[in-house]
Protein backbone atom coordinates (compact mmCIF):
# COMPACT_ATOMS: atom_id res chain seq x y z
CA UNK A 1 57.27 155.58 145.91
CA UNK A 2 57.93 153.63 149.34
CA UNK A 3 55.03 152.60 151.67
CA UNK A 4 55.09 154.44 155.09
CA UNK A 5 54.82 152.33 157.82
CA UNK A 6 53.99 155.03 160.55
CA UNK A 7 56.17 158.02 160.71
CA UNK A 8 58.56 156.38 158.42
CA UNK A 9 59.07 159.27 156.05
CA UNK A 10 62.50 160.22 157.64
CA UNK A 11 63.58 156.71 156.51
CA UNK A 12 61.79 156.58 153.09
CA UNK A 13 63.76 159.56 152.17
CA UNK A 14 67.16 158.52 152.96
CA UNK A 15 66.30 155.33 151.09
CA UNK A 16 65.37 157.43 148.13
CA UNK A 17 68.24 159.31 148.19
CA UNK A 18 70.88 156.52 148.37
CA UNK A 19 68.72 154.81 145.86
CA UNK A 20 69.59 157.56 143.38
CA UNK A 21 73.15 157.61 144.23
CA UNK A 22 74.49 155.56 141.05
CA UNK A 23 77.64 154.26 142.48
CA UNK A 24 75.87 153.05 145.64
CA UNK A 25 72.96 151.88 143.88
CA UNK A 26 74.90 149.73 141.32
CA UNK A 27 77.35 148.53 144.35
CA UNK A 28 74.05 147.07 146.35
CA UNK A 29 71.69 146.02 143.08
CA UNK A 30 74.26 144.14 141.44
CA UNK A 31 75.58 142.47 144.80
CA UNK A 32 79.24 143.61 144.13
CA UNK A 33 79.46 143.77 147.92
CA UNK A 34 80.95 141.23 150.33
CA UNK A 35 79.38 141.81 153.82
CA UNK A 36 80.96 140.44 156.58
CA UNK A 37 79.51 138.49 159.53
CA UNK A 38 76.20 137.64 160.64
CA UNK A 39 75.42 141.20 161.72
CA UNK A 40 75.13 142.52 158.13
CA UNK A 41 71.50 142.36 158.21
CA UNK A 42 71.17 146.03 157.74
CA UNK A 43 73.28 146.11 154.36
CA UNK A 44 71.49 143.13 152.85
CA UNK A 45 68.14 144.27 153.34
CA UNK A 46 69.02 147.66 152.01
CA UNK A 47 70.49 145.83 149.21
CA UNK A 48 67.49 144.17 148.42
CA UNK A 49 64.99 147.23 149.05
CA UNK A 50 67.35 149.20 146.32
CA UNK A 51 67.13 146.01 143.89
CA UNK A 52 63.51 145.88 143.89
CA UNK A 53 63.25 149.82 143.48
CA UNK A 54 65.27 149.52 140.33
CA UNK A 55 63.64 146.30 139.22
CA UNK A 56 59.94 147.34 139.95
CA UNK A 57 59.59 144.57 141.92
CA UNK A 58 58.87 146.40 145.32
CA UNK A 59 56.30 145.31 147.99
CA UNK A 60 55.27 147.06 151.14
CA UNK A 61 56.54 144.04 152.98
CA UNK A 62 60.49 144.80 151.72
CA UNK A 63 60.33 148.15 153.62
CA UNK A 64 58.52 147.05 156.40
CA UNK A 65 61.61 144.47 156.83
CA UNK A 66 64.06 146.96 156.52
CA UNK A 67 62.19 148.97 159.13
CA UNK A 68 62.38 145.82 161.36
CA UNK A 69 66.16 145.17 161.12
CA UNK A 70 66.67 148.84 161.54
CA UNK A 71 64.68 148.65 164.76
CA UNK A 72 66.38 145.50 165.78
CA UNK A 73 69.92 147.08 165.75
CA UNK A 74 69.23 150.61 166.58
CA UNK A 75 67.01 151.31 169.41
CA UNK A 76 66.66 155.23 169.00
CA UNK A 77 64.80 154.17 165.86
CA UNK A 78 62.23 151.48 167.30
CA UNK A 79 58.41 152.33 167.42
CA UNK A 80 56.73 155.22 165.13
CA UNK A 81 58.25 158.20 166.40
CA UNK A 82 59.19 160.58 164.13
CA UNK A 83 63.32 161.18 163.64
CA UNK A 84 65.42 163.35 161.80
CA UNK A 85 66.59 161.90 158.44
CA UNK A 86 70.15 163.30 158.45
CA UNK A 87 70.58 161.35 161.70
CA UNK A 88 69.22 158.50 160.42
CA UNK A 89 71.55 158.70 157.11
CA UNK A 90 74.71 159.07 159.13
CA UNK A 91 73.71 155.92 161.46
CA UNK A 92 72.90 154.14 158.29
CA UNK A 93 76.42 155.17 156.32
CA UNK A 94 78.08 154.16 159.76
CA UNK A 95 76.32 150.85 159.98
CA UNK A 96 77.69 150.04 156.18
CA UNK A 97 80.73 150.64 156.88
CA UNK A 98 80.97 148.41 159.53
CA UNK A 99 79.45 145.71 157.35
CA UNK A 100 81.40 146.21 154.27
CA UNK A 101 84.81 146.80 156.11
CA UNK A 102 87.80 144.89 154.92
CA UNK A 103 89.11 141.82 156.14
CA UNK A 104 91.81 143.81 158.10
CA UNK A 105 90.44 147.02 159.06
CA UNK A 106 93.37 149.04 159.12
CA UNK A 107 92.80 152.95 160.31
CA UNK A 108 94.54 155.69 158.13
CA UNK A 109 95.97 158.03 160.48
CA UNK A 110 98.05 160.12 158.40
CA UNK A 111 97.04 163.07 156.23
CA UNK A 112 98.73 163.92 152.93
CA UNK A 113 100.79 166.99 152.78
CA UNK A 114 100.09 167.59 149.31
CA UNK A 115 97.07 167.02 147.11
CA UNK A 116 97.53 167.91 143.35
CA UNK A 117 98.77 170.58 141.34
CA UNK A 118 95.87 173.07 142.67
CA UNK A 119 96.85 172.33 146.26
CA UNK A 120 93.24 170.95 146.81
CA UNK A 121 92.09 167.49 148.13
CA UNK A 122 88.80 166.64 146.41
CA UNK A 123 87.41 163.38 146.87
CA UNK A 124 85.16 163.53 143.73
CA UNK A 125 88.11 164.50 141.42
CA UNK A 126 90.92 162.40 142.61
CA UNK A 127 91.31 158.63 142.45
CA UNK A 128 90.44 156.86 146.10
CA UNK A 129 93.34 154.72 145.58
CA UNK A 130 95.91 157.72 145.14
CA UNK A 131 95.82 158.48 148.81
CA UNK A 132 93.31 156.17 150.74
CA UNK A 133 94.39 153.04 152.60
CA UNK A 134 93.61 149.76 151.42
CA UNK A 135 91.76 148.69 154.46
CA UNK A 136 89.36 151.13 153.74
CA UNK A 137 85.49 150.40 153.22
CA UNK A 138 83.20 151.37 149.89
CA UNK A 139 81.63 154.09 152.45
CA UNK A 140 84.91 155.72 153.13
CA UNK A 141 85.93 155.67 149.52
CA UNK A 142 82.94 157.42 148.14
CA UNK A 143 81.09 159.20 151.12
CA UNK A 144 84.11 160.54 153.26
CA UNK A 145 86.35 163.46 152.18
CA UNK A 146 88.34 166.13 153.83
CA UNK A 147 88.96 169.90 152.96
CA UNK A 148 92.02 171.96 153.60
CA UNK A 149 91.82 175.16 155.12
CA UNK A 150 94.33 177.59 154.64
CA UNK A 151 95.41 180.54 157.19
CA UNK A 152 97.16 183.34 156.06
CA UNK A 153 98.79 186.18 158.18
CA UNK A 154 97.91 189.85 156.96
CA UNK A 155 101.28 190.48 158.20
CA UNK A 156 103.80 188.22 157.76
CA UNK A 157 102.22 186.29 154.94
CA UNK A 158 102.88 182.84 156.65
CA UNK A 159 100.55 180.29 155.63
CA UNK A 160 98.99 177.44 157.83
CA UNK A 161 97.01 174.50 156.20
CA UNK A 162 94.93 171.94 158.35
CA UNK A 163 92.97 169.00 157.08
CA UNK A 164 89.77 168.01 158.22
CA UNK A 165 87.65 165.27 156.91
CA UNK A 166 84.12 165.03 156.97
CA UNK A 167 81.30 162.83 156.11
CA UNK A 168 78.41 165.31 155.92
CA UNK A 169 79.18 169.15 155.33
CA UNK A 170 76.66 172.03 156.13
CA UNK A 171 76.35 174.37 153.08
CA UNK A 172 75.06 178.16 153.71
CA UNK A 173 72.16 178.92 151.38
CA UNK A 174 73.05 182.26 149.29
CA UNK A 175 70.37 185.08 150.06
CA UNK A 176 68.98 187.57 147.29
CA UNK A 177 71.38 189.93 146.90
CA UNK A 178 68.96 192.66 145.11
CA UNK A 179 65.63 194.12 145.55
CA UNK A 180 63.06 195.68 143.19
CA UNK A 181 63.17 199.51 143.03
CA UNK A 182 61.12 201.83 141.08
CA UNK A 183 62.42 205.18 139.90
CA UNK A 184 60.41 207.89 138.15
CA UNK A 185 62.64 209.68 135.81
CA UNK A 186 62.16 213.39 134.93
CA UNK A 187 63.72 213.94 131.84
CA UNK A 188 64.54 216.89 129.43
CA UNK A 189 62.59 215.60 126.11
CA UNK A 190 58.99 216.32 125.25
CA UNK A 191 57.93 212.57 124.76
CA UNK A 192 59.80 211.04 127.82
CA UNK A 193 59.46 213.66 130.06
CA UNK A 194 57.93 211.24 132.94
CA UNK A 195 58.31 207.77 132.84
CA UNK A 196 58.85 205.08 135.96
CA UNK A 197 61.37 202.34 135.57
CA UNK A 198 62.23 199.33 137.48
CA UNK A 199 65.82 198.46 138.75
CA UNK A 200 67.40 195.83 140.53
CA UNK A 201 69.41 197.45 143.31
CA UNK A 202 71.97 195.50 145.45
CA UNK A 203 70.73 195.21 149.25
CA UNK A 204 74.21 196.37 150.38
CA UNK A 205 75.22 198.61 147.90
CA UNK A 206 75.51 203.00 147.90
CA UNK A 207 73.68 205.49 146.36
CA UNK A 208 76.54 206.07 143.65
CA UNK A 209 75.54 202.32 142.31
CA UNK A 210 71.96 203.67 142.04
CA UNK A 211 73.15 206.72 140.32
CA UNK A 212 74.89 204.79 137.71
CA UNK A 213 72.03 202.56 137.10
CA UNK A 214 70.03 205.61 136.42
CA UNK A 215 72.04 207.22 134.26
CA UNK A 216 72.31 204.20 132.14
CA UNK A 217 68.57 203.62 131.69
CA UNK A 218 67.78 207.46 131.10
CA UNK A 219 71.24 207.54 128.80
CA UNK A 220 72.72 210.49 130.33
CA UNK A 221 75.75 210.92 132.25
CA UNK A 222 75.92 209.81 135.93
CA UNK A 223 77.06 213.27 137.20
CA UNK A 224 73.95 214.98 135.91
CA UNK A 225 71.49 212.57 137.81
CA UNK A 226 69.74 214.24 140.63
CA UNK A 227 68.12 211.71 143.31
CA UNK A 228 65.45 212.74 145.37
CA UNK A 229 62.44 211.34 147.77
CA UNK A 230 59.22 213.02 146.70
CA UNK A 231 55.99 211.98 148.80
CA UNK A 232 52.66 213.10 147.94
CA UNK A 233 53.18 216.07 150.30
CA UNK A 234 56.41 217.25 148.76
CA UNK A 235 60.17 216.84 148.83
CA UNK A 236 61.66 214.90 151.58
CA UNK A 237 65.21 214.54 150.98
CA UNK A 238 68.22 214.15 148.20
CA UNK A 239 70.51 211.34 148.50
CA UNK A 240 74.07 211.56 148.48
CA UNK A 241 76.61 209.04 147.08
CA UNK A 242 78.17 207.84 150.42
CA UNK A 243 74.77 206.83 151.62
CA UNK A 244 73.84 203.06 151.89
CA UNK A 245 71.12 202.03 149.47
CA UNK A 246 69.23 199.87 152.02
CA UNK A 247 66.76 202.73 152.90
CA UNK A 248 66.74 204.48 149.51
CA UNK A 249 63.29 205.16 148.46
CA UNK A 250 61.61 203.76 151.67
CA UNK A 251 60.49 207.03 152.89
CA UNK A 252 58.64 208.02 149.74
CA UNK A 253 58.80 207.41 145.94
CA UNK A 254 62.34 208.01 144.78
CA UNK A 255 62.58 210.52 141.61
CA UNK A 256 65.42 210.90 139.43
CA UNK A 257 65.81 214.40 137.95
CA UNK A 258 67.64 215.44 134.76
CA UNK A 259 68.94 219.22 134.91
CA UNK A 260 68.09 221.35 132.07
CA UNK A 261 70.87 222.37 129.72
CA UNK A 262 72.96 225.32 130.37
CA UNK A 263 72.47 226.64 126.79
CA UNK A 264 69.88 226.31 124.37
CA UNK A 265 70.66 223.15 122.25
CA UNK A 266 67.10 222.47 120.88
CA UNK A 267 66.06 220.65 124.01
CA UNK A 268 62.64 222.01 125.07
CA UNK A 269 62.65 223.51 128.56
CA UNK A 270 58.82 223.89 129.02
CA UNK A 271 56.32 221.09 129.95
CA UNK A 272 54.48 219.04 127.46
CA UNK A 273 50.71 218.63 127.05
CA UNK A 274 49.00 218.87 129.98
CA UNK A 275 48.91 215.51 132.28
CA UNK A 276 45.50 214.88 131.56
CA UNK A 277 46.17 214.61 127.70
CA UNK A 278 47.48 211.37 126.05
CA UNK A 279 50.04 209.39 127.13
CA UNK A 280 53.18 208.48 125.33
CA UNK A 281 53.18 205.26 123.27
CA UNK A 282 55.16 202.21 123.71
CA UNK A 283 57.47 201.16 126.07
CA UNK A 284 61.14 201.57 125.08
CA UNK A 285 63.02 204.50 126.01
CA UNK A 286 64.43 206.58 123.03
CA UNK A 287 67.68 206.52 122.28
CA UNK A 288 70.56 208.48 123.87
CA UNK A 289 70.79 210.99 120.99
CA UNK A 290 67.25 212.01 121.72
CA UNK A 291 67.39 211.86 125.36
CA UNK A 292 70.46 213.63 126.53
CA UNK A 293 71.14 217.00 126.36
CA UNK A 294 74.64 218.97 127.39
CA UNK A 295 74.14 219.90 130.85
CA UNK A 296 76.10 222.28 133.26
CA UNK A 297 77.99 219.99 135.58
CA UNK A 298 77.35 221.76 138.88
CA UNK A 299 76.20 225.06 139.74
CA UNK A 300 77.78 228.51 139.82
CA UNK A 301 77.86 230.44 143.31
CA UNK A 302 77.63 233.90 143.76
CA UNK A 303 74.97 236.73 143.16
CA UNK A 304 75.77 236.62 139.39
CA UNK A 305 75.62 232.88 138.76
CA UNK A 306 72.71 230.20 138.18
CA UNK A 307 71.50 228.02 140.51
CA UNK A 308 69.57 224.73 139.87
CA UNK A 309 66.04 224.49 141.29
CA UNK A 310 63.73 221.70 141.79
CA UNK A 311 60.04 222.61 142.20
CA UNK A 312 57.03 220.83 143.41
CA UNK A 313 53.57 222.41 144.16
CA UNK A 314 51.52 221.98 146.90
CA UNK A 315 47.98 222.94 148.12
CA UNK A 316 45.86 223.03 151.20
CA UNK A 317 46.96 223.19 154.89
CA UNK A 318 47.58 220.63 157.63
CA UNK A 319 46.25 217.00 156.82
CA UNK A 320 45.05 218.28 153.46
CA UNK A 321 48.22 219.20 152.29
CA UNK A 322 48.99 217.48 148.94
CA UNK A 323 51.32 218.05 146.06
CA UNK A 324 50.04 218.59 142.90
CA UNK A 325 51.28 218.67 139.17
CA UNK A 326 54.66 217.23 138.15
CA UNK A 327 57.93 218.18 139.86
CA UNK A 328 60.06 220.61 137.86
CA UNK A 329 63.65 221.60 137.05
CA UNK A 330 64.83 224.83 135.83
CA UNK A 331 67.76 227.06 136.18
CA UNK A 332 67.72 230.41 137.43
CA UNK A 333 69.96 233.24 137.98
CA UNK A 334 70.46 234.12 141.75
CA UNK A 335 70.24 237.86 141.43
CA UNK A 336 66.64 237.67 139.97
CA UNK A 337 63.56 239.41 142.01
CA UNK A 338 60.60 237.73 143.65
CA UNK A 339 58.46 238.92 140.20
CA UNK A 340 61.17 237.59 138.02
CA UNK A 341 61.30 234.33 140.02
CA UNK A 342 57.51 233.89 140.10
CA UNK A 343 57.30 234.70 136.37
CA UNK A 344 59.85 231.67 135.62
CA UNK A 345 57.64 229.15 137.75
CA UNK A 346 54.40 230.46 135.88
CA UNK A 347 56.16 229.88 132.50
CA UNK A 348 57.10 226.48 133.46
CA UNK A 349 53.53 225.71 134.66
CA UNK A 350 51.83 227.43 131.56
CA UNK A 351 50.74 223.67 129.91
CA UNK A 352 48.55 223.20 133.49
CA UNK A 353 46.99 226.71 133.36
CA UNK A 354 43.39 226.89 132.69
CA UNK A 355 43.91 230.49 131.27
CA UNK A 356 46.24 232.99 130.56
CA UNK A 357 48.02 234.37 134.07
CA UNK A 358 50.00 237.96 133.72
CA UNK A 359 52.55 237.65 136.13
CA UNK A 360 53.44 241.46 136.16
CA UNK A 361 51.06 243.26 138.50
CA UNK A 362 49.60 240.07 139.96
CA UNK A 363 50.95 240.19 143.20
CA UNK A 364 52.25 237.18 145.41
CA UNK A 365 50.31 234.12 144.15
CA UNK A 366 52.24 231.59 146.28
CA UNK A 367 54.76 231.04 148.88
CA UNK A 368 57.86 229.35 148.35
CA UNK A 369 59.49 227.29 150.89
CA UNK A 370 63.18 225.59 151.05
CA UNK A 371 62.24 221.83 151.61
CA UNK A 372 64.30 218.75 152.24
CA UNK A 373 66.97 218.19 155.09
CA UNK A 374 66.64 221.73 156.46
CA UNK A 375 66.58 222.28 160.09
CA UNK A 376 64.57 225.30 160.04
CA UNK A 377 61.65 225.82 157.43
CA UNK A 378 62.82 228.98 155.75
CA UNK A 379 60.33 230.99 153.27
CA UNK A 380 61.82 233.18 150.66
CA UNK A 381 60.26 236.55 151.12
CA UNK A 382 58.70 238.70 148.28
CA UNK A 383 60.10 241.78 149.60
CA UNK A 384 63.69 240.85 149.38
CA UNK A 385 65.13 242.10 146.19
CA UNK A 386 67.25 239.13 145.72
CA UNK A 387 65.28 236.17 147.33
CA UNK A 388 67.88 233.27 145.99
CA UNK A 389 70.82 234.93 147.64
CA UNK A 390 69.40 233.98 151.04
CA UNK A 391 71.73 232.67 153.26
CA UNK A 392 69.21 229.34 153.71
CA UNK A 393 69.93 228.97 149.99
CA UNK A 394 73.38 228.89 150.45
CA UNK A 395 73.08 225.89 153.18
CA UNK A 396 70.81 224.11 150.89
CA UNK A 397 73.63 224.28 148.30
CA UNK A 398 76.10 222.86 150.45
CA UNK A 399 74.16 220.17 151.86
CA UNK A 400 73.33 218.82 148.14
CA UNK A 401 76.88 218.47 147.48
CA UNK A 402 77.04 214.78 148.33
CA UNK A 403 76.10 213.52 144.89
CA UNK A 404 74.76 215.09 141.51
CA UNK A 405 74.65 218.46 140.48
CA UNK A 406 74.29 221.08 143.66
CA UNK A 407 70.62 222.00 144.01
CA UNK A 408 68.10 223.64 145.81
CA UNK A 409 64.53 222.26 146.40
CA UNK A 410 61.67 224.85 146.62
CA UNK A 411 57.99 223.92 147.55
CA UNK A 412 55.43 226.49 145.95
CA UNK A 413 53.01 226.62 148.32
CA UNK A 414 49.42 227.58 147.11
CA UNK A 415 46.11 228.36 148.77
CA UNK A 416 43.19 226.27 147.67
CA UNK A 417 41.27 228.98 146.35
CA UNK A 418 43.98 230.06 144.14
CA UNK A 419 45.03 226.76 142.63
CA UNK A 420 41.23 225.77 141.87
CA UNK A 421 40.66 229.18 140.12
CA UNK A 422 44.34 228.44 138.09
CA UNK A 423 44.47 224.53 137.76
CA UNK A 424 41.11 223.27 138.53
CA UNK A 425 41.00 219.81 140.26
CA UNK A 426 44.25 218.54 138.88
CA UNK A 427 46.14 216.05 141.10
CA UNK A 428 49.63 214.58 140.68
CA UNK A 429 51.49 213.72 137.75
CA UNK A 430 50.56 210.71 135.66
CA UNK A 431 53.76 208.56 135.17
CA UNK A 432 53.73 205.97 132.65
CA UNK A 433 55.55 202.50 133.80
CA UNK A 434 58.21 201.31 131.62
CA UNK A 435 57.98 197.29 130.97
CA UNK A 436 60.93 196.90 133.60
CA UNK A 437 58.59 197.86 136.46
CA UNK A 438 56.31 194.71 135.90
CA UNK A 439 59.46 192.79 135.24
CA UNK A 440 61.32 193.47 138.25
CA UNK A 441 58.42 193.13 140.59
CA UNK A 442 57.66 189.58 139.21
CA UNK A 443 61.31 188.57 139.54
CA UNK A 444 61.61 189.62 143.16
CA UNK A 445 58.23 188.08 143.98
CA UNK A 446 59.24 184.65 143.04
CA UNK A 447 61.21 182.43 145.73
CA UNK A 448 65.20 182.90 145.24
CA UNK A 449 66.79 179.88 143.73
CA UNK A 450 70.15 178.87 143.76
CA UNK A 451 72.23 176.29 142.50
CA UNK A 452 74.61 173.51 144.62
CA UNK A 453 77.66 174.89 143.38
CA UNK A 454 76.83 178.30 144.27
CA UNK A 455 76.17 176.86 147.90
CA UNK A 456 79.88 175.66 147.77
CA UNK A 457 81.32 178.76 146.29
CA UNK A 458 79.87 180.81 149.35
CA UNK A 459 80.89 177.82 151.84
CA UNK A 460 84.44 178.09 150.33
CA UNK A 461 84.69 182.15 150.14
CA UNK A 462 87.83 183.63 151.51
CA UNK A 463 86.80 185.79 154.61
CA UNK A 464 88.74 188.06 157.03
CA UNK A 465 89.24 186.51 160.38
């Protein structure tokens, strides 16, 4: 390294950069330059310093002498104040240009009209002698270039080209384009009913892109995926395809539901073993043949059709309101009675019940509330002969048509005594994390890195004015 002589880190950093620029290091260290005049002391001292670094003959006296010569020819770098490294680099290159200028310093004023087959002037690829004047110095030949800026009118397609020389260029640094997002898959499969996966979602994408990613993870068609935010207190909202992806999953954990099959195909519809039981083994998701079931794309409207229901169970009131058990998905006829709907819900919860419950004659065990995105809280009435034909259900179906199958989100509200009697102290579902959850978190915790080539690509990217 180089000795610091009192806030000379800016100077040492520039010397190290120039010393490791191969063409300049050879040019100076091997004495291939011809500095003109007695004022070329800066170039001579820099050459001696670079030569000492490469021959391992460096002593602190060399860098001290270099600092003194710089202070002699530039009042702004005198003393021991801190300075900007780029500012010093530009001054040093300009000084070398003056010291290494040709005997007849002819100034080149013309600009080439064409620059090769690709129309791009590239000082790094083309030979400087092809378009540079004979009076140019070594610094101009190796450190100066020019870029072509093309402007095309979108109406008449007229193109205007301008050429601008540059000695240094300020490159933008590409920012990270993705963020880590965990999504809990609720699948129609015994072995992998609930699994949380980690995804790298684009910052400026839409929910439609997220739906495609979830579909690939779950090996199901994208049109079968229902995306919804589910908080510890119940459903918040469903996500539509046109929504921006930036806020997805920020209000509450994100769930992706696969609807049950329209017809029985051997894929079970009841819950697996209780969440208090053993968890599934392994981290890999099963193949598509074991994961995907034929599913009705959409929902039939009208009293005689079937409706897709998303359910979650809550207990308690006020601040103590909390969700328990896993969220459920089922299809039901729209013209069912309250007793039939209650029986279907209990059938889905059979694996969680502490004992056998007879739905017939058991009375009303819970309340059912329409949840998620509705202006008013609407409860289904047990006295309604067809509670799923309520006008509020129709409005909920219309609100859910922005992506995925039309559906209705229902919150099943239990009082605490009934919940403890039938379910005990069961809490939220236990979800196993896939390996991708930890991988995505680690990848996005690391500092984002980029290459110099990526910076140039972003700098030269075409943009609409």
